[in-house]
Amino acid sequence: MTIISATVLLIMGYLFFRTEHLNVKWDKVAQFFTFMCFLMMVRHAITGGKSPGLANVYPWEYTLVWWEDLVFSFPILLAMNKWGRNKWTISLAVVLSLLFGSGHIYHGIVGAAVSCIYPFFISYRYSKKTSLGTVMVCHVMYDLMLFYSVRVLM
């Protein structure tokens, strides 16, 4: 386990300090955050403000979405940057998006279906304009807002 943790820390350090992928562009956070707030309002309208499972999660656990983006969105970004859009990279995006959505089944069927669009249509596309680090920060902020808004509505 220690070897895995050390490897992950080395990879994160390399990505943060040696590439542009994980740099956070704070001026772009507000734009993305506004979009995520809109998505949250749509989600509450669809689900009636209820999201099964969200009330049973501790707020600190939402910091784990940083790793979620790294596992599901970063491979899409790397593959598309290196090989462009072809049948293999699109297939990778579809598979990772479906896996990402299935991990959100605790939000209910609608939440899982909406979550399927996140890795490619939101995270990848927006990270091309800014950076994946910016998207990761916004994702954490969105999930925390969703958590607290569900708590207020319940």
N, C-alpha and C. Protein backbone atom coordinates (compact mmCIF):
# COMPACT_ATOMS: atom_id res chain seq x y z
N MET A 1 0.83 -1.19 0.00
CA MET A 1 0.00 0.00 0.00
C MET A 1 0.87 1.25 0.00
N THR A 2 1.98 1.21 0.72
CA THR A 2 2.87 2.37 0.79
C THR A 2 3.48 2.66 -0.57
N ILE A 3 3.80 1.63 -1.33
CA ILE A 3 4.38 1.82 -2.66
C ILE A 3 3.36 2.50 -3.57
N ILE A 4 2.09 2.08 -3.47
CA ILE A 4 1.04 2.68 -4.30
C ILE A 4 0.87 4.15 -3.93
N SER A 5 0.83 4.44 -2.63
CA SER A 5 0.67 5.83 -2.19
C SER A 5 1.83 6.69 -2.65
N ALA A 6 3.05 6.19 -2.55
CA ALA A 6 4.22 6.93 -2.98
C ALA A 6 4.19 7.17 -4.49
N THR A 7 3.76 6.16 -5.23
CA THR A 7 3.67 6.28 -6.69
C THR A 7 2.64 7.35 -7.07
N VAL A 8 1.49 7.31 -6.42
CA VAL A 8 0.45 8.30 -6.70
C VAL A 8 0.95 9.70 -6.37
N LEU A 9 1.62 9.88 -5.26
CA LEU A 9 2.16 11.19 -4.90
C LEU A 9 3.20 11.68 -5.89
N LEU A 10 4.04 10.78 -6.38
CA LEU A 10 5.03 11.16 -7.39
C LEU A 10 4.36 11.58 -8.69
N ILE A 11 3.36 10.83 -9.10
CA ILE A 11 2.64 11.18 -10.33
C ILE A 11 1.96 12.53 -10.18
N MET A 12 1.29 12.74 -9.04
CA MET A 12 0.62 14.02 -8.80
C MET A 12 1.62 15.17 -8.78
N GLY A 13 2.75 14.97 -8.13
CA GLY A 13 3.78 16.00 -8.08
C GLY A 13 4.29 16.33 -9.47
N TYR A 14 4.54 15.30 -10.27
CA TYR A 14 5.01 15.52 -11.63
C TYR A 14 3.97 16.29 -12.44
N LEU A 15 2.71 15.86 -12.37
CA LEU A 15 1.66 16.51 -13.14
C LEU A 15 1.46 17.96 -12.72
N PHE A 16 1.58 18.23 -11.43
CA PHE A 16 1.35 19.58 -10.94
C PHE A 16 2.50 20.52 -11.28
N PHE A 17 3.73 20.05 -11.07
CA PHE A 17 4.88 20.94 -11.24
C PHE A 17 5.48 20.94 -12.64
N ARG A 18 5.31 19.87 -13.40
CA ARG A 18 5.97 19.76 -14.69
C ARG A 18 5.04 19.89 -15.89
N THR A 19 3.74 19.90 -15.67
CA THR A 19 2.80 20.05 -16.79
C THR A 19 1.78 21.13 -16.44
N GLU A 20 0.99 21.49 -17.40
CA GLU A 20 -0.06 22.49 -17.20
C GLU A 20 -1.38 21.85 -16.78
N HIS A 21 -1.45 20.53 -16.76
CA HIS A 21 -2.72 19.84 -16.57
C HIS A 21 -3.39 20.13 -15.23
N LEU A 22 -2.62 20.20 -14.15
CA LEU A 22 -3.22 20.36 -12.83
C LEU A 22 -3.12 21.76 -12.27
N ASN A 23 -2.58 22.69 -13.01
CA ASN A 23 -2.56 24.08 -12.54
C ASN A 23 -3.99 24.60 -12.48
N VAL A 24 -4.30 25.33 -11.43
CA VAL A 24 -5.64 25.88 -11.27
C VAL A 24 -5.65 27.32 -11.77
N LYS A 25 -6.52 27.61 -12.70
CA LYS A 25 -6.68 28.97 -13.21
C LYS A 25 -7.88 29.58 -12.51
N TRP A 26 -7.60 30.31 -11.45
CA TRP A 26 -8.64 30.81 -10.57
C TRP A 26 -9.59 31.77 -11.26
N ASP A 27 -9.14 32.47 -12.29
CA ASP A 27 -10.05 33.38 -13.00
C ASP A 27 -11.12 32.60 -13.77
N LYS A 28 -10.84 31.36 -14.11
CA LYS A 28 -11.81 30.53 -14.83
C LYS A 28 -12.74 29.76 -13.88
N VAL A 29 -12.37 29.68 -12.61
CA VAL A 29 -13.19 28.94 -11.65
C VAL A 29 -14.59 29.55 -11.56
N ALA A 30 -14.70 30.87 -11.56
CA ALA A 30 -16.00 31.54 -11.44
C ALA A 30 -16.91 31.19 -12.61
N GLN A 31 -16.38 31.15 -13.82
CA GLN A 31 -17.20 30.81 -14.99
C GLN A 31 -17.73 29.38 -14.90
N PHE A 32 -16.84 28.47 -14.58
CA PHE A 32 -17.23 27.07 -14.48
C PHE A 32 -18.18 26.86 -13.31
N PHE A 33 -17.93 27.53 -12.22
CA PHE A 33 -18.75 27.40 -11.03
C PHE A 33 -20.18 27.88 -11.31
N THR A 34 -20.33 28.92 -12.08
CA THR A 34 -21.65 29.42 -12.46
C THR A 34 -22.40 28.35 -13.25
N PHE A 35 -21.71 27.71 -14.18
CA PHE A 35 -22.30 26.63 -14.96
C PHE A 35 -22.72 25.47 -14.06
N MET A 36 -21.87 25.10 -13.11
CA MET A 36 -22.18 24.01 -12.20
C MET A 36 -23.37 24.36 -11.31
N CYS A 37 -23.50 25.63 -10.90
CA CYS A 37 -24.66 26.05 -10.12
C CYS A 37 -25.95 25.87 -10.93
N PHE A 38 -25.88 26.19 -12.21
CA PHE A 38 -27.03 25.98 -13.10
C PHE A 38 -27.39 24.50 -13.15
N LEU A 39 -26.38 23.64 -13.29
CA LEU A 39 -26.64 22.20 -13.31
C LEU A 39 -27.28 21.73 -12.01
N MET A 40 -26.85 22.30 -10.90
CA MET A 40 -27.40 21.92 -9.61
C MET A 40 -28.88 22.31 -9.53
N MET A 41 -29.23 23.49 -10.04
CA MET A 41 -30.63 23.90 -10.02
C MET A 41 -31.48 22.97 -10.89
N VAL A 42 -30.96 22.59 -12.04
CA VAL A 42 -31.68 21.65 -12.91
C VAL A 42 -31.85 20.32 -12.20
N ARG A 43 -30.80 19.86 -11.56
CA ARG A 43 -30.88 18.58 -10.85
C ARG A 43 -31.92 18.62 -9.74
N HIS A 44 -31.94 19.71 -8.97
CA HIS A 44 -32.95 19.83 -7.91
C HIS A 44 -34.35 19.90 -8.49
N ALA A 45 -34.51 20.53 -9.64
CA ALA A 45 -35.82 20.61 -10.27
C ALA A 45 -36.29 19.22 -10.71
N ILE A 46 -35.36 18.40 -11.23
CA ILE A 46 -35.70 17.05 -11.69
C ILE A 46 -36.01 16.13 -10.52
N THR A 47 -35.19 16.20 -9.47
CA THR A 47 -35.32 15.26 -8.35
C THR A 47 -36.18 15.79 -7.22
N GLY A 48 -36.67 17.00 -7.31
CA GLY A 48 -37.46 17.58 -6.24
C GLY A 48 -36.64 17.95 -5.03
N GLY A 49 -35.34 18.15 -5.22
CA GLY A 49 -34.47 18.53 -4.11
C GLY A 49 -33.99 17.37 -3.28
N LYS A 50 -34.35 16.17 -3.68
CA LYS A 50 -33.93 15.00 -2.92
C LYS A 50 -32.86 14.24 -3.71
N SER A 51 -31.88 13.80 -3.01
CA SER A 51 -30.83 13.00 -3.64
C SER A 51 -30.46 11.88 -2.68
N PRO A 52 -30.95 10.65 -2.93
CA PRO A 52 -30.69 9.55 -2.00
C PRO A 52 -29.19 9.35 -1.79
N GLY A 53 -28.83 9.17 -0.57
CA GLY A 53 -27.45 8.88 -0.24
C GLY A 53 -26.60 10.09 0.08
N LEU A 54 -26.96 11.26 -0.41
CA LEU A 54 -26.13 12.43 -0.16
C LEU A 54 -26.10 12.83 1.30
N ALA A 55 -27.21 12.67 1.99
CA ALA A 55 -27.28 13.09 3.39
C ALA A 55 -26.46 12.18 4.29
N ASN A 56 -26.08 11.01 3.81
CA ASN A 56 -25.34 10.05 4.62
C ASN A 56 -23.83 10.13 4.40
N VAL A 57 -23.38 11.13 3.67
CA VAL A 57 -21.97 11.28 3.33
C VAL A 57 -21.38 12.41 4.16
N TYR A 58 -20.17 12.22 4.66
CA TYR A 58 -19.50 13.29 5.38
C TYR A 58 -18.91 14.29 4.39
N PRO A 59 -18.99 15.58 4.68
CA PRO A 59 -18.50 16.59 3.72
C PRO A 59 -17.04 16.39 3.30
N TRP A 60 -16.16 15.93 4.18
CA TRP A 60 -14.76 15.76 3.81
C TRP A 60 -14.59 14.72 2.71
N GLU A 61 -15.55 13.81 2.58
CA GLU A 61 -15.45 12.76 1.55
C GLU A 61 -15.54 13.34 0.14
N TYR A 62 -16.09 14.55 0.02
CA TYR A 62 -16.18 15.16 -1.30
C TYR A 62 -14.82 15.61 -1.82
N THR A 63 -13.84 15.68 -0.98
CA THR A 63 -12.50 15.99 -1.47
C THR A 63 -11.95 14.82 -2.30
N LEU A 64 -12.55 13.65 -2.15
CA LEU A 64 -12.12 12.48 -2.93
C LEU A 64 -12.46 12.61 -4.41
N VAL A 65 -13.35 13.56 -4.76
CA VAL A 65 -13.67 13.72 -6.19
C VAL A 65 -12.45 14.21 -6.96
N TRP A 66 -11.46 14.76 -6.27
CA TRP A 66 -10.20 15.12 -6.91
C TRP A 66 -9.61 13.88 -7.58
N TRP A 67 -9.61 12.77 -6.85
CA TRP A 67 -9.08 11.51 -7.38
C TRP A 67 -10.01 10.93 -8.43
N GLU A 68 -11.30 11.14 -8.25
CA GLU A 68 -12.28 10.67 -9.22
C GLU A 68 -12.00 11.29 -10.59
N ASP A 69 -11.75 12.59 -10.61
CA ASP A 69 -11.43 13.25 -11.87
C ASP A 69 -10.11 12.75 -12.44
N LEU A 70 -9.16 12.50 -11.57
CA LEU A 70 -7.86 12.02 -12.04
C LEU A 70 -7.99 10.64 -12.69
N VAL A 71 -8.83 9.78 -12.13
CA VAL A 71 -8.99 8.42 -12.65
C VAL A 71 -9.86 8.38 -13.91
N PHE A 72 -10.95 9.16 -13.93
CA PHE A 72 -11.91 9.04 -15.03
C PHE A 72 -11.74 10.08 -16.13
N SER A 73 -11.28 11.27 -15.81
CA SER A 73 -11.18 12.32 -16.82
C SER A 73 -9.78 12.49 -17.38
N PHE A 74 -8.76 12.34 -16.55
CA PHE A 74 -7.39 12.56 -17.00
C PHE A 74 -6.97 11.61 -18.12
N PRO A 75 -7.34 10.30 -18.07
CA PRO A 75 -6.97 9.43 -19.19
C PRO A 75 -7.59 9.87 -20.52
N ILE A 76 -8.83 10.39 -20.46
CA ILE A 76 -9.46 10.89 -21.68
C ILE A 76 -8.66 12.06 -22.23
N LEU A 77 -8.30 12.98 -21.34
CA LEU A 77 -7.52 14.15 -21.75
C LEU A 77 -6.19 13.76 -22.37
N LEU A 78 -5.46 12.86 -21.72
CA LEU A 78 -4.17 12.42 -22.26
C LEU A 78 -4.32 11.71 -23.60
N ALA A 79 -5.29 10.80 -23.69
CA ALA A 79 -5.48 10.04 -24.93
C ALA A 79 -5.89 10.94 -26.09
N MET A 80 -6.81 11.85 -25.83
CA MET A 80 -7.27 12.76 -26.90
C MET A 80 -6.15 13.71 -27.33
N ASN A 81 -5.33 14.16 -26.37
CA ASN A 81 -4.21 15.04 -26.72
C ASN A 81 -3.16 14.30 -27.54
N LYS A 82 -2.91 13.05 -27.20
CA LYS A 82 -1.85 12.31 -27.87
C LYS A 82 -2.30 11.74 -29.21
N TRP A 83 -3.50 11.14 -29.27
CA TRP A 83 -3.93 10.43 -30.47
C TRP A 83 -5.12 11.07 -31.18
N GLY A 84 -5.66 12.15 -30.65
CA GLY A 84 -6.81 12.79 -31.28
C GLY A 84 -8.07 11.96 -31.11
N ARG A 85 -9.09 12.36 -31.82
CA ARG A 85 -10.36 11.63 -31.74
C ARG A 85 -10.34 10.52 -32.78
N ASN A 86 -10.39 9.32 -32.31
CA ASN A 86 -10.53 8.16 -33.19
C ASN A 86 -11.41 7.14 -32.46
N LYS A 87 -11.62 6.00 -33.07
CA LYS A 87 -12.54 5.03 -32.46
C LYS A 87 -12.04 4.53 -31.11
N TRP A 88 -10.73 4.49 -30.90
CA TRP A 88 -10.19 4.00 -29.63
C TRP A 88 -10.33 5.03 -28.52
N THR A 89 -10.03 6.27 -28.82
CA THR A 89 -10.14 7.29 -27.77
C THR A 89 -11.60 7.60 -27.44
N ILE A 90 -12.47 7.56 -28.43
CA ILE A 90 -13.90 7.75 -28.17
C ILE A 90 -14.43 6.58 -27.35
N SER A 91 -13.98 5.37 -27.67
CA SER A 91 -14.39 4.19 -26.88
C SER A 91 -13.92 4.32 -25.44
N LEU A 92 -12.70 4.78 -25.26
CA LEU A 92 -12.18 5.01 -23.90
C LEU A 92 -13.05 6.02 -23.16
N ALA A 93 -13.42 7.09 -23.84
CA ALA A 93 -14.26 8.12 -23.22
C ALA A 93 -15.64 7.55 -22.84
N VAL A 94 -16.21 6.74 -23.70
CA VAL A 94 -17.52 6.15 -23.42
C VAL A 94 -17.44 5.20 -22.22
N VAL A 95 -16.43 4.33 -22.22
CA VAL A 95 -16.29 3.37 -21.13
C VAL A 95 -16.05 4.08 -19.80
N LEU A 96 -15.14 5.04 -19.78
CA LEU A 96 -14.86 5.75 -18.53
C LEU A 96 -16.06 6.57 -18.08
N SER A 97 -16.82 7.13 -19.01
CA SER A 97 -18.02 7.88 -18.65
C SER A 97 -19.08 6.97 -18.04
N LEU A 98 -19.26 5.78 -18.61
CA LEU A 98 -20.22 4.83 -18.06
C LEU A 98 -19.79 4.34 -16.68
N LEU A 99 -18.50 4.08 -16.50
CA LEU A 99 -18.01 3.68 -15.18
C LEU A 99 -18.19 4.80 -14.16
N PHE A 100 -17.92 6.02 -14.57
CA PHE A 100 -18.10 7.17 -13.70
C PHE A 100 -19.57 7.28 -13.29
N GLY A 101 -20.48 7.16 -14.24
CA GLY A 101 -21.91 7.23 -13.95
C GLY A 101 -22.38 6.11 -13.04
N SER A 102 -21.86 4.91 -13.27
CA SER A 102 -22.28 3.78 -12.42
C SER A 102 -21.79 3.96 -10.98
N GLY A 103 -20.74 4.69 -10.79
CA GLY A 103 -20.27 4.99 -9.44
C GLY A 103 -21.14 6.00 -8.72
N HIS A 104 -22.07 6.61 -9.45
CA HIS A 104 -22.96 7.61 -8.85
C HIS A 104 -24.39 7.09 -8.76
N ILE A 105 -24.55 5.78 -8.74
CA ILE A 105 -25.88 5.19 -8.66
C ILE A 105 -26.56 5.54 -7.34
N TYR A 106 -25.78 5.89 -6.32
CA TYR A 106 -26.38 6.28 -5.04
C TYR A 106 -27.16 7.59 -5.16
N HIS A 107 -26.99 8.32 -6.26
CA HIS A 107 -27.79 9.52 -6.52
C HIS A 107 -29.15 9.16 -7.12
N GLY A 108 -29.34 7.90 -7.42
CA GLY A 108 -30.55 7.47 -8.09
C GLY A 108 -30.27 7.32 -9.58
N ILE A 109 -31.22 6.80 -10.31
CA ILE A 109 -31.04 6.54 -11.74
C ILE A 109 -30.80 7.84 -12.51
N VAL A 110 -31.56 8.87 -12.21
CA VAL A 110 -31.39 10.15 -12.92
C VAL A 110 -30.02 10.72 -12.63
N GLY A 111 -29.60 10.69 -11.37
CA GLY A 111 -28.28 11.21 -11.00
C GLY A 111 -27.15 10.45 -11.67
N ALA A 112 -27.29 9.13 -11.76
CA ALA A 112 -26.26 8.32 -12.43
C ALA A 112 -26.23 8.62 -13.92
N ALA A 113 -27.40 8.77 -14.52
CA ALA A 113 -27.46 9.07 -15.97
C ALA A 113 -26.85 10.43 -16.27
N VAL A 114 -27.16 11.41 -15.45
CA VAL A 114 -26.59 12.76 -15.64
C VAL A 114 -25.08 12.72 -15.40
N SER A 115 -24.65 11.94 -14.42
CA SER A 115 -23.22 11.84 -14.11
C SER A 115 -22.41 11.23 -15.25
N CYS A 116 -23.05 10.42 -16.09
CA CYS A 116 -22.35 9.80 -17.22
C CYS A 116 -21.79 10.84 -18.19
N ILE A 117 -22.41 12.00 -18.25
CA ILE A 117 -21.94 13.01 -19.21
C ILE A 117 -20.75 13.80 -18.68
N TYR A 118 -20.48 13.71 -17.39
CA TYR A 118 -19.45 14.56 -16.79
C TYR A 118 -18.04 14.36 -17.36
N PRO A 119 -17.49 13.13 -17.39
CA PRO A 119 -16.08 13.00 -17.78
C PRO A 119 -15.75 13.57 -19.16
N PHE A 120 -16.59 13.30 -20.15
CA PHE A 120 -16.25 13.78 -21.49
C PHE A 120 -16.83 15.16 -21.78
N PHE A 121 -18.12 15.31 -21.61
CA PHE A 121 -18.78 16.53 -22.06
C PHE A 121 -18.51 17.75 -21.18
N ILE A 122 -18.19 17.53 -19.93
CA ILE A 122 -17.90 18.68 -19.06
C ILE A 122 -16.42 18.74 -18.72
N SER A 123 -15.91 17.70 -18.08
CA SER A 123 -14.54 17.74 -17.60
C SER A 123 -13.52 17.85 -18.72
N TYR A 124 -13.59 16.98 -19.70
CA TYR A 124 -12.61 17.00 -20.80
C TYR A 124 -12.70 18.29 -21.60
N ARG A 125 -13.91 18.65 -22.00
CA ARG A 125 -14.06 19.83 -22.85
C ARG A 125 -13.62 21.11 -22.14
N TYR A 126 -13.99 21.24 -20.88
CA TYR A 126 -13.61 22.46 -20.17
C TYR A 126 -12.12 22.45 -19.82
N SER A 127 -11.56 21.28 -19.54
CA SER A 127 -10.13 21.23 -19.23
C SER A 127 -9.27 21.55 -20.44
N LYS A 128 -9.81 21.36 -21.65
CA LYS A 128 -9.08 21.78 -22.85
C LYS A 128 -8.94 23.30 -22.89
N LYS A 129 -9.95 24.01 -22.38
CA LYS A 129 -9.93 25.47 -22.38
C LYS A 129 -9.13 26.03 -21.20
N THR A 130 -9.13 25.34 -20.09
CA THR A 130 -8.44 25.84 -18.89
C THR A 130 -7.38 24.84 -18.46
N SER A 131 -7.72 24.00 -17.51
CA SER A 131 -6.85 22.92 -17.06
C SER A 131 -7.70 21.95 -16.27
N LEU A 132 -7.22 20.72 -16.13
CA LEU A 132 -7.96 19.73 -15.36
C LEU A 132 -7.98 20.12 -13.89
N GLY A 133 -6.94 20.77 -13.41
CA GLY A 133 -6.91 21.22 -12.02
C GLY A 133 -8.04 22.18 -11.71
N THR A 134 -8.35 23.07 -12.65
CA THR A 134 -9.46 24.00 -12.49
C THR A 134 -10.77 23.24 -12.39
N VAL A 135 -10.95 22.26 -13.26
CA VAL A 135 -12.16 21.45 -13.27
C VAL A 135 -12.28 20.67 -11.97
N MET A 136 -11.16 20.15 -11.47
CA MET A 136 -11.18 19.38 -10.23
C MET A 136 -11.63 20.24 -9.05
N VAL A 137 -11.11 21.45 -8.95
CA VAL A 137 -11.50 22.35 -7.86
C VAL A 137 -12.99 22.66 -7.96
N CYS A 138 -13.47 22.93 -9.15
CA CYS A 138 -14.89 23.24 -9.34
C CYS A 138 -15.77 22.04 -9.02
N HIS A 139 -15.31 20.86 -9.33
CA HIS A 139 -16.08 19.65 -9.04
C HIS A 139 -16.24 19.47 -7.54
N VAL A 140 -15.17 19.69 -6.79
CA VAL A 140 -15.25 19.60 -5.32
C VAL A 140 -16.23 20.64 -4.80
N MET A 141 -16.14 21.87 -5.29
CA MET A 141 -17.03 22.94 -4.84
C MET A 141 -18.48 22.62 -5.18
N TYR A 142 -18.73 22.10 -6.37
CA TYR A 142 -20.09 21.73 -6.77
C TYR A 142 -20.67 20.66 -5.86
N ASP A 143 -19.89 19.61 -5.59
CA ASP A 143 -20.40 18.54 -4.74
C ASP A 143 -20.67 19.02 -3.32
N LEU A 144 -19.83 19.89 -2.80
CA LEU A 144 -20.09 20.44 -1.47
C LEU A 144 -21.35 21.30 -1.47
N MET A 145 -21.55 22.10 -2.52
CA MET A 145 -22.78 22.90 -2.62
C MET A 145 -24.01 21.99 -2.70
N LEU A 146 -23.91 20.94 -3.48
CA LEU A 146 -25.02 20.01 -3.62
C LEU A 146 -25.33 19.35 -2.28
N PHE A 147 -24.30 18.93 -1.57
CA PHE A 147 -24.48 18.31 -0.28
C PHE A 147 -25.22 19.23 0.69
N TYR A 148 -24.73 20.47 0.80
CA TYR A 148 -25.34 21.39 1.75
C TYR A 148 -26.73 21.83 1.31
N SER A 149 -26.97 21.96 0.02
CA SER A 149 -28.31 22.36 -0.43
C SER A 149 -29.31 21.23 -0.20
N VAL A 150 -28.90 19.97 -0.38
CA VAL A 150 -29.79 18.84 -0.08
C VAL A 150 -30.07 18.80 1.41
N ARG A 151 -29.07 19.07 2.22
CA ARG A 151 -29.26 19.10 3.67
C ARG A 151 -30.30 20.14 4.07
N VAL A 152 -30.26 21.29 3.41
CA VAL A 152 -31.21 22.38 3.72
C VAL A 152 -32.62 22.00 3.25
N LEU A 153 -32.73 21.38 2.08
CA LEU A 153 -34.03 21.04 1.52
C LEU A 153 -34.70 19.84 2.19
N MET A 154 -33.90 18.99 2.85
CA MET A 154 -34.48 17.79 3.47
C MET A 154 -35.09 18.08 4.79
